[in-house]
């Protein structure tokens, strides 16, 4: 089975990144990061060090919405890159089994 990738244009990604910047300014986001817990690895880090990560990446068709954005430590965000939730979960499971 071939991998299916949606072609997302640069203008759409720019608009979604702008929406993400606006989300980070909302009380909703401040409440999400207040505990300082990464959504993926569950490590506690200072809230200011958490990044906004898209569960479904913008490059793979994700949107900047409350349901698609989670707090992530920089390490997890850098490792996840453009992986979809299923692909990322497989990666995490592999790490746990090693």
Protein backbone atom coordinates (compact mmCIF):
# COMPACT_ATOMS: atom_id res chain seq x y z
CA UNK A 1 0.00 0.00 0.00
CA UNK A 2 1.40 3.39 -0.96
CA UNK A 3 1.53 6.18 1.59
CA UNK A 4 -1.08 8.83 0.91
CA UNK A 5 0.02 12.41 1.35
CA UNK A 6 -2.21 15.43 0.98
CA UNK A 7 -0.58 18.30 -0.87
CA UNK A 8 -1.03 21.38 1.33
CA UNK A 9 -0.24 24.76 -0.18
CA UNK A 10 1.98 27.30 1.59
CA UNK A 11 -0.82 29.85 1.97
CA UNK A 12 -2.96 27.34 3.90
CA UNK A 13 -0.06 26.48 6.21
CA UNK A 14 0.62 30.18 6.82
CA UNK A 15 -3.04 30.77 7.75
CA UNK A 16 -3.04 27.80 10.13
CA UNK A 17 0.20 28.95 11.78
CA UNK A 18 -1.36 32.37 12.31
CA UNK A 19 -4.35 30.68 13.96
CA UNK A 20 -1.95 28.72 16.19
CA UNK A 21 -0.26 31.96 17.28
CA UNK A 22 -3.67 33.34 18.21
CA UNK A 23 -4.55 30.15 20.14
CA UNK A 24 -1.36 30.47 22.22
CA UNK A 25 -2.57 33.87 23.46
CA UNK A 26 -5.90 32.54 24.73
CA UNK A 27 -6.68 31.58 28.33
CA UNK A 28 -7.52 28.12 27.04
CA UNK A 29 -3.86 27.57 26.09
CA UNK A 30 -2.55 29.13 29.30
CA UNK A 31 -4.68 26.65 31.26
CA UNK A 32 -3.41 23.75 29.11
CA UNK A 33 0.25 24.53 29.84
CA UNK A 34 -0.21 25.62 33.49
CA UNK A 35 0.63 22.16 34.89
CA UNK A 36 3.73 21.95 32.70
CA UNK A 37 3.07 18.39 31.47
CA UNK A 38 4.00 17.17 28.00
CA UNK A 39 1.08 15.47 26.25
CA UNK A 40 3.35 12.74 24.85
CA UNK A 41 6.03 11.78 27.38
CA UNK A 42 4.18 13.11 30.46
CA UNK A 43 7.36 14.76 31.75
CA UNK A 44 6.96 17.88 33.83
CA UNK A 45 8.72 20.94 32.43
CA UNK A 46 8.33 24.66 33.10
CA UNK A 47 5.14 25.81 31.31
CA UNK A 48 7.08 28.40 29.31
CA UNK A 49 9.14 25.58 27.78
CA UNK A 50 6.12 23.74 26.37
CA UNK A 51 5.43 24.15 22.68
CA UNK A 52 2.13 23.93 20.84
CA UNK A 53 2.07 20.74 18.78
CA UNK A 54 -0.54 19.74 16.22
CA UNK A 55 -1.67 16.13 16.71
CA UNK A 56 -2.32 15.97 12.98
CA UNK A 57 0.47 18.14 11.54
CA UNK A 58 -0.39 21.09 9.33
CA UNK A 59 1.69 19.58 6.54
CA UNK A 60 -0.51 16.47 6.69
CA UNK A 61 -3.82 18.38 6.61
CA UNK A 62 -4.26 19.22 10.30
CA UNK A 63 -5.87 22.42 11.53
CA UNK A 64 -5.01 24.88 14.30
CA UNK A 65 -7.98 24.07 16.51
CA UNK A 66 -8.32 23.33 20.22
CA UNK A 67 -8.99 19.68 19.45
CA UNK A 68 -5.82 19.31 17.39
CA UNK A 69 -3.34 21.26 19.54
CA UNK A 70 -1.56 19.88 22.60
CA UNK A 71 1.32 21.00 24.82
CA UNK A 72 4.57 19.23 24.01
CA UNK A 73 8.10 19.41 25.36
CA UNK A 74 10.64 20.50 22.78
CA UNK A 75 12.22 17.04 22.63
CA UNK A 76 8.94 15.31 21.75
CA UNK A 77 7.92 18.04 19.31
CA UNK A 78 11.27 17.78 17.50
CA UNK A 79 11.08 13.98 17.38
CA UNK A 80 7.45 13.86 16.23
CA UNK A 81 7.92 16.23 13.29
CA UNK A 82 5.16 15.49 10.74
CA UNK A 83 4.10 12.10 12.03
CA UNK A 84 0.41 11.30 12.36
CA UNK A 85 -0.84 10.11 15.79
CA UNK A 86 -0.76 6.44 14.74
CA UNK A 87 2.76 6.73 13.33
CA UNK A 88 3.96 8.57 16.45
CA UNK A 89 2.36 5.98 18.75
CA UNK A 90 4.19 3.21 16.89
CA UNK A 91 7.44 5.14 17.42
CA UNK A 92 6.76 5.56 21.16
CA UNK A 93 5.89 1.87 21.53
CA UNK A 94 9.11 0.91 19.79
CA UNK A 95 11.11 3.09 22.20
CA UNK A 96 9.37 1.54 25.21
CA UNK A 97 10.19 -1.96 23.99
CA UNK A 98 13.90 -1.29 23.43
